[in-house]
Amino acid sequence: MSVKALVFVGTDPKRTRPALEKLPQPWHVVTGRFDGVTFVQQETLKALGEAVLNQVRSLDGVSHTETYPVLREVNGTGRAQAPVRAFVLVRTQAPRTEQVFGTLAGLPETTWAAAVGGRYDVAVQLGAPSWDELTQVLLNKVRNVEGVTSTETFFVAQ
């Protein structure tokens, strides 16, 4: 059984592109307090930690990271290659994490969802045909799920 983590990466502004291009695949450029996001997967938690240190944090130009171990994940029905995409980190009320995870995973715009460890409880990747539609999903669907206390959104730069 393998373990996976979602890793957000901040870079030195003068070395962003070269640093991101060395990240494990797949990786995405994102907006917000980070510059990129990638997935790291290994056979054990110890190996995962070492991979994050050796394959991400040690890269020239990487200034900071946040790592969210994936506790459970599902692939959604949304289009992973939609023109407008975002990763959303979600904090939940403790007794409602499973309910929030299930609800967000079931949204038609969700391409991937995970219960994660760290300061957030759930991570989702959403896709939509336009900025307006993605904004509506964020404001009218994600933020209105019962048990969601806060969100942080990272738009994927195309």
N, C-alpha and C. Protein backbone atom coordinates (compact mmCIF):
# COMPACT_ATOMS: atom_id res chain seq x y z
N MET A 1 0.85 -1.18 0.00
CA MET A 1 0.00 0.00 0.00
C MET A 1 0.89 1.24 0.00
N SER A 2 0.59 2.20 -0.85
CA SER A 2 1.40 3.40 -0.91
C SER A 2 0.72 4.55 -0.18
N VAL A 3 1.51 5.56 0.16
CA VAL A 3 1.00 6.76 0.79
C VAL A 3 1.30 7.94 -0.12
N LYS A 4 0.41 8.92 -0.08
CA LYS A 4 0.49 10.05 -1.00
C LYS A 4 0.34 11.34 -0.20
N ALA A 5 0.92 12.41 -0.71
CA ALA A 5 0.75 13.73 -0.10
C ALA A 5 0.57 14.78 -1.19
N LEU A 6 -0.23 15.76 -0.88
CA LEU A 6 -0.40 16.95 -1.69
C LEU A 6 0.57 17.98 -1.12
N VAL A 7 1.48 18.50 -1.95
CA VAL A 7 2.52 19.41 -1.47
C VAL A 7 2.41 20.74 -2.20
N PHE A 8 2.15 21.80 -1.43
CA PHE A 8 2.14 23.15 -1.97
C PHE A 8 3.53 23.73 -1.82
N VAL A 9 4.00 24.44 -2.84
CA VAL A 9 5.38 24.89 -2.92
C VAL A 9 5.46 26.40 -3.15
N GLY A 10 6.24 27.07 -2.30
CA GLY A 10 6.56 28.48 -2.50
C GLY A 10 7.99 28.58 -2.99
N THR A 11 8.26 29.59 -3.81
CA THR A 11 9.59 29.70 -4.42
C THR A 11 10.14 31.12 -4.28
N ASP A 12 11.42 31.22 -4.49
CA ASP A 12 12.08 32.51 -4.65
C ASP A 12 11.56 33.08 -5.97
N PRO A 13 11.03 34.31 -5.97
CA PRO A 13 10.43 34.85 -7.20
C PRO A 13 11.35 34.83 -8.41
N LYS A 14 12.64 34.90 -8.22
CA LYS A 14 13.56 34.91 -9.35
C LYS A 14 13.84 33.52 -9.89
N ARG A 15 13.40 32.49 -9.16
CA ARG A 15 13.69 31.10 -9.58
C ARG A 15 12.45 30.23 -9.63
N THR A 16 11.28 30.84 -9.77
CA THR A 16 10.02 30.09 -9.72
C THR A 16 9.95 29.01 -10.79
N ARG A 17 10.05 29.38 -12.04
CA ARG A 17 9.87 28.42 -13.13
C ARG A 17 10.88 27.27 -13.06
N PRO A 18 12.19 27.54 -12.90
CA PRO A 18 13.14 26.41 -12.83
C PRO A 18 12.85 25.48 -11.64
N ALA A 19 12.44 26.06 -10.50
CA ALA A 19 12.14 25.22 -9.34
C ALA A 19 10.91 24.35 -9.60
N LEU A 20 9.85 24.95 -10.14
CA LEU A 20 8.62 24.18 -10.39
C LEU A 20 8.84 23.10 -11.43
N GLU A 21 9.65 23.36 -12.42
CA GLU A 21 9.88 22.37 -13.47
C GLU A 21 10.61 21.13 -12.97
N LYS A 22 11.22 21.21 -11.80
CA LYS A 22 11.91 20.04 -11.23
C LYS A 22 11.02 19.25 -10.27
N LEU A 23 9.80 19.72 -10.02
CA LEU A 23 8.90 19.02 -9.10
C LEU A 23 8.47 17.67 -9.68
N PRO A 24 8.13 16.72 -8.79
CA PRO A 24 7.57 15.46 -9.28
C PRO A 24 6.30 15.73 -10.09
N GLN A 25 6.08 14.93 -11.11
CA GLN A 25 4.88 15.06 -11.95
C GLN A 25 3.70 14.38 -11.28
N PRO A 26 2.49 14.82 -11.44
CA PRO A 26 2.11 16.05 -12.10
C PRO A 26 2.25 17.24 -11.15
N TRP A 27 2.55 18.40 -11.70
CA TRP A 27 2.59 19.62 -10.90
C TRP A 27 1.83 20.71 -11.64
N HIS A 28 1.39 21.72 -10.88
CA HIS A 28 0.63 22.82 -11.45
C HIS A 28 1.13 24.13 -10.87
N VAL A 29 1.13 25.17 -11.66
CA VAL A 29 1.36 26.52 -11.18
C VAL A 29 0.03 26.98 -10.57
N VAL A 30 0.10 27.59 -9.38
CA VAL A 30 -1.12 28.07 -8.74
C VAL A 30 -0.95 29.52 -8.29
N THR A 31 -2.08 30.16 -8.03
CA THR A 31 -2.08 31.52 -7.51
C THR A 31 -2.27 31.48 -6.00
N GLY A 32 -1.87 32.53 -5.33
CA GLY A 32 -2.06 32.61 -3.89
C GLY A 32 -0.73 32.63 -3.17
N ARG A 33 -0.71 32.12 -1.95
CA ARG A 33 0.52 32.19 -1.16
C ARG A 33 1.54 31.13 -1.54
N PHE A 34 1.21 30.28 -2.49
CA PHE A 34 2.15 29.31 -3.04
C PHE A 34 2.25 29.52 -4.54
N ASP A 35 3.29 28.96 -5.13
CA ASP A 35 3.50 29.10 -6.57
C ASP A 35 3.18 27.84 -7.34
N GLY A 36 3.18 26.70 -6.66
CA GLY A 36 2.92 25.44 -7.33
C GLY A 36 2.39 24.41 -6.37
N VAL A 37 1.90 23.32 -6.95
CA VAL A 37 1.40 22.19 -6.17
C VAL A 37 1.77 20.92 -6.92
N THR A 38 2.10 19.89 -6.16
CA THR A 38 2.45 18.60 -6.74
C THR A 38 1.97 17.49 -5.82
N PHE A 39 2.02 16.27 -6.30
CA PHE A 39 1.74 15.09 -5.50
C PHE A 39 3.03 14.30 -5.35
N VAL A 40 3.24 13.74 -4.18
CA VAL A 40 4.37 12.85 -3.94
C VAL A 40 3.79 11.55 -3.41
N GLN A 41 4.25 10.43 -3.93
CA GLN A 41 3.74 9.13 -3.52
C GLN A 41 4.90 8.18 -3.28
N GLN A 42 4.83 7.43 -2.19
CA GLN A 42 5.85 6.46 -1.82
C GLN A 42 5.19 5.26 -1.15
N GLU A 43 6.00 4.24 -0.87
CA GLU A 43 5.46 3.01 -0.28
C GLU A 43 5.22 3.11 1.22
N THR A 44 5.97 3.95 1.93
CA THR A 44 5.79 4.09 3.38
C THR A 44 5.75 5.57 3.75
N LEU A 45 5.26 5.85 4.93
CA LEU A 45 5.22 7.23 5.41
C LEU A 45 6.63 7.79 5.56
N LYS A 46 7.56 6.96 6.04
CA LYS A 46 8.94 7.41 6.18
C LYS A 46 9.52 7.76 4.80
N ALA A 47 9.30 6.92 3.82
CA ALA A 47 9.79 7.18 2.47
C ALA A 47 9.11 8.43 1.88
N LEU A 48 7.84 8.63 2.20
CA LEU A 48 7.14 9.82 1.73
C LEU A 48 7.80 11.08 2.30
N GLY A 49 8.08 11.07 3.59
CA GLY A 49 8.75 12.21 4.21
C GLY A 49 10.10 12.49 3.59
N GLU A 50 10.87 11.44 3.34
CA GLU A 50 12.18 11.60 2.72
C GLU A 50 12.04 12.13 1.29
N ALA A 51 11.03 11.65 0.56
CA ALA A 51 10.83 12.12 -0.81
C ALA A 51 10.45 13.60 -0.83
N VAL A 52 9.60 14.02 0.09
CA VAL A 52 9.24 15.44 0.15
C VAL A 52 10.49 16.27 0.43
N LEU A 53 11.31 15.81 1.37
CA LEU A 53 12.55 16.54 1.68
C LEU A 53 13.51 16.55 0.51
N ASN A 54 13.71 15.41 -0.13
CA ASN A 54 14.72 15.28 -1.19
C ASN A 54 14.25 15.71 -2.58
N GLN A 55 12.97 15.54 -2.88
CA GLN A 55 12.48 15.83 -4.22
C GLN A 55 11.77 17.18 -4.34
N VAL A 56 11.47 17.80 -3.20
CA VAL A 56 10.74 19.07 -3.24
C VAL A 56 11.47 20.14 -2.43
N ARG A 57 11.58 19.93 -1.14
CA ARG A 57 12.14 20.97 -0.27
C ARG A 57 13.60 21.31 -0.57
N SER A 58 14.36 20.37 -1.08
CA SER A 58 15.78 20.62 -1.33
C SER A 58 16.05 21.24 -2.70
N LEU A 59 15.02 21.42 -3.51
CA LEU A 59 15.22 21.99 -4.85
C LEU A 59 15.67 23.45 -4.76
N ASP A 60 16.62 23.80 -5.60
CA ASP A 60 17.09 25.17 -5.66
C ASP A 60 15.92 26.07 -6.05
N GLY A 61 15.68 27.10 -5.27
CA GLY A 61 14.59 28.03 -5.53
C GLY A 61 13.36 27.80 -4.69
N VAL A 62 13.22 26.64 -4.07
CA VAL A 62 12.08 26.38 -3.19
C VAL A 62 12.34 27.05 -1.85
N SER A 63 11.41 27.90 -1.42
CA SER A 63 11.58 28.62 -0.16
C SER A 63 10.74 28.06 0.97
N HIS A 64 9.58 27.50 0.66
CA HIS A 64 8.72 26.92 1.70
C HIS A 64 7.71 25.97 1.08
N THR A 65 7.24 25.04 1.91
CA THR A 65 6.25 24.07 1.45
C THR A 65 5.22 23.83 2.56
N GLU A 66 4.08 23.32 2.18
CA GLU A 66 3.10 22.77 3.11
C GLU A 66 2.70 21.42 2.55
N THR A 67 2.77 20.41 3.39
CA THR A 67 2.50 19.04 2.96
C THR A 67 1.25 18.52 3.64
N TYR A 68 0.34 17.97 2.85
CA TYR A 68 -0.91 17.42 3.38
C TYR A 68 -0.98 15.94 3.02
N PRO A 69 -0.69 15.06 3.98
CA PRO A 69 -0.82 13.62 3.71
C PRO A 69 -2.27 13.28 3.35
N VAL A 70 -2.43 12.50 2.31
CA VAL A 70 -3.75 12.08 1.86
C VAL A 70 -4.17 10.88 2.69
N LEU A 71 -5.25 11.03 3.44
CA LEU A 71 -5.75 9.94 4.27
C LEU A 71 -6.67 9.03 3.48
N ARG A 72 -7.46 9.63 2.61
CA ARG A 72 -8.37 8.89 1.75
C ARG A 72 -8.70 9.78 0.57
N GLU A 73 -8.77 9.20 -0.63
CA GLU A 73 -9.05 10.02 -1.80
C GLU A 73 -10.02 9.33 -2.74
N VAL A 74 -10.69 10.14 -3.54
CA VAL A 74 -11.57 9.64 -4.60
C VAL A 74 -11.38 10.53 -5.82
N ASN A 75 -11.53 9.95 -6.98
CA ASN A 75 -11.57 10.73 -8.21
C ASN A 75 -13.01 11.09 -8.47
N GLY A 76 -13.26 12.36 -8.72
CA GLY A 76 -14.60 12.83 -8.97
C GLY A 76 -14.99 12.66 -10.42
N THR A 77 -16.15 13.20 -10.74
CA THR A 77 -16.67 13.08 -12.09
C THR A 77 -16.39 14.31 -12.93
N GLY A 78 -15.84 15.37 -12.31
CA GLY A 78 -15.55 16.60 -13.04
C GLY A 78 -14.45 16.39 -14.06
N ARG A 79 -14.33 17.35 -14.95
CA ARG A 79 -13.33 17.28 -16.01
C ARG A 79 -11.99 17.79 -15.51
N ALA A 80 -10.99 16.91 -15.40
CA ALA A 80 -9.67 17.29 -14.90
C ALA A 80 -8.99 18.30 -15.81
N GLN A 81 -9.35 18.36 -17.07
CA GLN A 81 -8.73 19.30 -17.99
C GLN A 81 -9.66 20.47 -18.32
N ALA A 82 -10.60 20.77 -17.42
CA ALA A 82 -11.48 21.92 -17.63
C ALA A 82 -10.62 23.17 -17.78
N PRO A 83 -11.07 24.15 -18.54
CA PRO A 83 -10.27 25.35 -18.77
C PRO A 83 -9.94 26.13 -17.51
N VAL A 84 -10.80 26.08 -16.51
CA VAL A 84 -10.57 26.80 -15.27
C VAL A 84 -10.60 25.79 -14.13
N ARG A 85 -9.48 25.75 -13.38
CA ARG A 85 -9.37 24.77 -12.29
C ARG A 85 -8.84 25.43 -11.03
N ALA A 86 -9.12 24.78 -9.90
CA ALA A 86 -8.61 25.28 -8.63
C ALA A 86 -8.47 24.13 -7.64
N PHE A 87 -7.49 24.27 -6.76
CA PHE A 87 -7.38 23.40 -5.59
C PHE A 87 -7.96 24.18 -4.42
N VAL A 88 -8.81 23.54 -3.64
CA VAL A 88 -9.43 24.19 -2.50
C VAL A 88 -9.14 23.38 -1.26
N LEU A 89 -8.55 24.03 -0.25
CA LEU A 89 -8.33 23.41 1.05
C LEU A 89 -9.47 23.84 1.96
N VAL A 90 -10.03 22.88 2.70
CA VAL A 90 -11.25 23.12 3.47
C VAL A 90 -11.06 22.72 4.93
N ARG A 91 -11.44 23.63 5.83
CA ARG A 91 -11.51 23.29 7.25
C ARG A 91 -12.96 22.96 7.55
N THR A 92 -13.13 21.98 8.42
CA THR A 92 -14.49 21.54 8.75
C THR A 92 -14.70 21.53 10.26
N GLN A 93 -15.96 21.47 10.65
CA GLN A 93 -16.28 21.19 12.04
C GLN A 93 -15.91 19.73 12.26
N ALA A 94 -15.22 19.44 13.36
CA ALA A 94 -14.67 18.10 13.57
C ALA A 94 -15.65 16.96 13.34
N PRO A 95 -16.85 17.01 13.87
CA PRO A 95 -17.72 15.85 13.65
C PRO A 95 -18.30 15.76 12.24
N ARG A 96 -18.05 16.73 11.41
CA ARG A 96 -18.66 16.75 10.06
C ARG A 96 -17.66 16.53 8.93
N THR A 97 -16.44 16.18 9.24
CA THR A 97 -15.42 16.03 8.20
C THR A 97 -15.83 14.99 7.15
N GLU A 98 -16.28 13.84 7.58
CA GLU A 98 -16.69 12.78 6.63
C GLU A 98 -17.84 13.24 5.75
N GLN A 99 -18.81 13.92 6.34
CA GLN A 99 -19.96 14.43 5.59
C GLN A 99 -19.51 15.46 4.56
N VAL A 100 -18.64 16.39 4.96
CA VAL A 100 -18.13 17.41 4.04
C VAL A 100 -17.34 16.75 2.92
N PHE A 101 -16.48 15.82 3.27
CA PHE A 101 -15.69 15.09 2.27
C PHE A 101 -16.61 14.44 1.24
N GLY A 102 -17.62 13.74 1.70
CA GLY A 102 -18.54 13.06 0.79
C GLY A 102 -19.32 14.02 -0.10
N THR A 103 -19.77 15.12 0.48
CA THR A 103 -20.53 16.10 -0.28
C THR A 103 -19.66 16.75 -1.35
N LEU A 104 -18.45 17.17 -0.97
CA LEU A 104 -17.57 17.82 -1.95
C LEU A 104 -17.11 16.84 -3.02
N ALA A 105 -16.84 15.60 -2.64
CA ALA A 105 -16.43 14.59 -3.62
C ALA A 105 -17.53 14.34 -4.64
N GLY A 106 -18.78 14.53 -4.24
CA GLY A 106 -19.92 14.28 -5.13
C GLY A 106 -20.32 15.43 -6.02
N LEU A 107 -19.70 16.59 -5.86
CA LEU A 107 -20.04 17.72 -6.73
C LEU A 107 -19.65 17.40 -8.18
N PRO A 108 -20.48 17.77 -9.14
CA PRO A 108 -20.14 17.48 -10.54
C PRO A 108 -18.86 18.17 -11.01
N GLU A 109 -18.45 19.24 -10.35
CA GLU A 109 -17.25 19.97 -10.73
C GLU A 109 -15.97 19.40 -10.09
N THR A 110 -16.12 18.46 -9.17
CA THR A 110 -14.97 17.89 -8.47
C THR A 110 -14.26 16.86 -9.33
N THR A 111 -12.95 17.09 -9.54
CA THR A 111 -12.16 16.13 -10.30
C THR A 111 -11.38 15.20 -9.38
N TRP A 112 -11.15 15.66 -8.13
CA TRP A 112 -10.41 14.86 -7.15
C TRP A 112 -10.74 15.42 -5.77
N ALA A 113 -10.86 14.54 -4.79
CA ALA A 113 -11.12 14.96 -3.42
C ALA A 113 -10.37 14.04 -2.47
N ALA A 114 -9.94 14.62 -1.34
CA ALA A 114 -9.22 13.82 -0.35
C ALA A 114 -9.48 14.35 1.05
N ALA A 115 -9.56 13.42 1.98
CA ALA A 115 -9.46 13.77 3.39
C ALA A 115 -7.96 13.84 3.65
N VAL A 116 -7.50 14.94 4.25
CA VAL A 116 -6.07 15.15 4.43
C VAL A 116 -5.74 15.43 5.89
N GLY A 117 -4.47 15.20 6.23
CA GLY A 117 -3.97 15.54 7.55
C GLY A 117 -3.30 16.90 7.50
N GLY A 118 -3.37 17.64 8.59
CA GLY A 118 -2.75 18.96 8.65
C GLY A 118 -3.73 19.98 9.14
N ARG A 119 -3.47 21.24 8.82
CA ARG A 119 -4.37 22.28 9.33
C ARG A 119 -5.67 22.38 8.56
N TYR A 120 -5.78 21.69 7.43
CA TYR A 120 -7.04 21.56 6.71
C TYR A 120 -7.48 20.11 6.80
N ASP A 121 -8.76 19.89 6.54
CA ASP A 121 -9.33 18.55 6.69
C ASP A 121 -9.65 17.87 5.36
N VAL A 122 -9.97 18.67 4.36
CA VAL A 122 -10.36 18.15 3.05
C VAL A 122 -9.68 19.00 1.98
N ALA A 123 -9.25 18.35 0.91
CA ALA A 123 -8.71 19.05 -0.26
C ALA A 123 -9.50 18.58 -1.47
N VAL A 124 -9.85 19.51 -2.35
CA VAL A 124 -10.55 19.14 -3.59
C VAL A 124 -9.93 19.89 -4.76
N GLN A 125 -10.00 19.26 -5.92
CA GLN A 125 -9.67 19.96 -7.15
C GLN A 125 -10.97 20.09 -7.92
N LEU A 126 -11.26 21.31 -8.34
CA LEU A 126 -12.49 21.60 -9.07
C LEU A 126 -12.15 22.04 -10.48
N GLY A 127 -13.06 21.80 -11.41
CA GLY A 127 -12.89 22.26 -12.78
C GLY A 127 -14.21 22.80 -13.31
N ALA A 128 -14.13 23.86 -14.11
CA ALA A 128 -15.33 24.46 -14.70
C ALA A 128 -14.98 25.08 -16.05
N PRO A 129 -15.99 25.32 -16.87
CA PRO A 129 -15.74 25.90 -18.19
C PRO A 129 -15.32 27.38 -18.15
N SER A 130 -15.66 28.11 -17.07
CA SER A 130 -15.34 29.54 -17.03
C SER A 130 -15.06 29.99 -15.60
N TRP A 131 -14.40 31.17 -15.49
CA TRP A 131 -14.14 31.74 -14.16
C TRP A 131 -15.45 31.99 -13.43
N ASP A 132 -16.43 32.50 -14.14
CA ASP A 132 -17.72 32.79 -13.51
C ASP A 132 -18.34 31.53 -12.93
N GLU A 133 -18.31 30.43 -13.70
CA GLU A 133 -18.89 29.18 -13.20
C GLU A 133 -18.12 28.63 -12.02
N LEU A 134 -16.79 28.70 -12.07
CA LEU A 134 -16.00 28.22 -10.93
C LEU A 134 -16.25 29.08 -9.70
N THR A 135 -16.35 30.39 -9.88
CA THR A 135 -16.66 31.29 -8.76
C THR A 135 -18.00 30.93 -8.14
N GLN A 136 -18.98 30.65 -8.97
CA GLN A 136 -20.30 30.27 -8.45
C GLN A 136 -20.23 28.96 -7.67
N VAL A 137 -19.43 28.01 -8.15
CA VAL A 137 -19.27 26.74 -7.42
C VAL A 137 -18.65 27.00 -6.05
N LEU A 138 -17.60 27.83 -6.03
CA LEU A 138 -16.94 28.14 -4.76
C LEU A 138 -17.87 28.84 -3.78
N LEU A 139 -18.57 29.87 -4.26
CA LEU A 139 -19.41 30.67 -3.37
C LEU A 139 -20.73 29.99 -3.01
N ASN A 140 -21.35 29.33 -3.98
CA ASN A 140 -22.70 28.81 -3.75
C ASN A 140 -22.76 27.34 -3.41
N LYS A 141 -21.70 26.60 -3.67
CA LYS A 141 -21.71 25.18 -3.35
C LYS A 141 -20.72 24.88 -2.23
N VAL A 142 -19.43 25.05 -2.49
CA VAL A 142 -18.40 24.65 -1.52
C VAL A 142 -18.59 25.37 -0.19
N ARG A 143 -18.69 26.70 -0.22
CA ARG A 143 -18.79 27.47 1.02
C ARG A 143 -20.10 27.23 1.76
N ASN A 144 -21.12 26.72 1.08
CA ASN A 144 -22.42 26.49 1.72
C ASN A 144 -22.63 25.07 2.21
N VAL A 145 -21.63 24.20 2.06
CA VAL A 145 -21.77 22.84 2.58
C VAL A 145 -21.79 22.90 4.11
N GLU A 146 -22.78 22.28 4.69
CA GLU A 146 -22.89 22.28 6.16
C GLU A 146 -21.65 21.61 6.76
N GLY A 147 -21.01 22.31 7.69
CA GLY A 147 -19.82 21.80 8.34
C GLY A 147 -18.53 22.43 7.84
N VAL A 148 -18.59 23.17 6.73
CA VAL A 148 -17.41 23.89 6.23
C VAL A 148 -17.26 25.16 7.07
N THR A 149 -16.07 25.33 7.66
CA THR A 149 -15.82 26.53 8.47
C THR A 149 -14.98 27.56 7.74
N SER A 150 -14.08 27.12 6.84
CA SER A 150 -13.29 28.05 6.04
C SER A 150 -12.67 27.32 4.87
N THR A 151 -12.28 28.10 3.87
CA THR A 151 -11.63 27.53 2.69
C THR A 151 -10.46 28.43 2.28
N GLU A 152 -9.53 27.84 1.55
CA GLU A 152 -8.45 28.58 0.90
C GLU A 152 -8.35 28.03 -0.52
N THR A 153 -8.41 28.92 -1.50
CA THR A 153 -8.48 28.52 -2.89
C THR A 153 -7.20 28.91 -3.62
N PHE A 154 -6.68 27.98 -4.41
CA PHE A 154 -5.50 28.19 -5.24
C PHE A 154 -5.90 27.91 -6.69
N PHE A 155 -6.02 28.96 -7.48
CA PHE A 155 -6.39 28.78 -8.88
C PHE A 155 -5.21 28.24 -9.65
N VAL A 156 -5.47 27.27 -10.52
CA VAL A 156 -4.43 26.69 -11.37
C VAL A 156 -4.22 27.64 -12.54
N ALA A 157 -2.99 28.11 -12.69
CA ALA A 157 -2.65 29.00 -13.80
C ALA A 157 -2.41 28.16 -15.04
N GLN A 158 -2.99 28.55 -16.12
CA GLN A 158 -2.87 27.78 -17.37
C GLN A 158 -1.66 28.21 -18.14
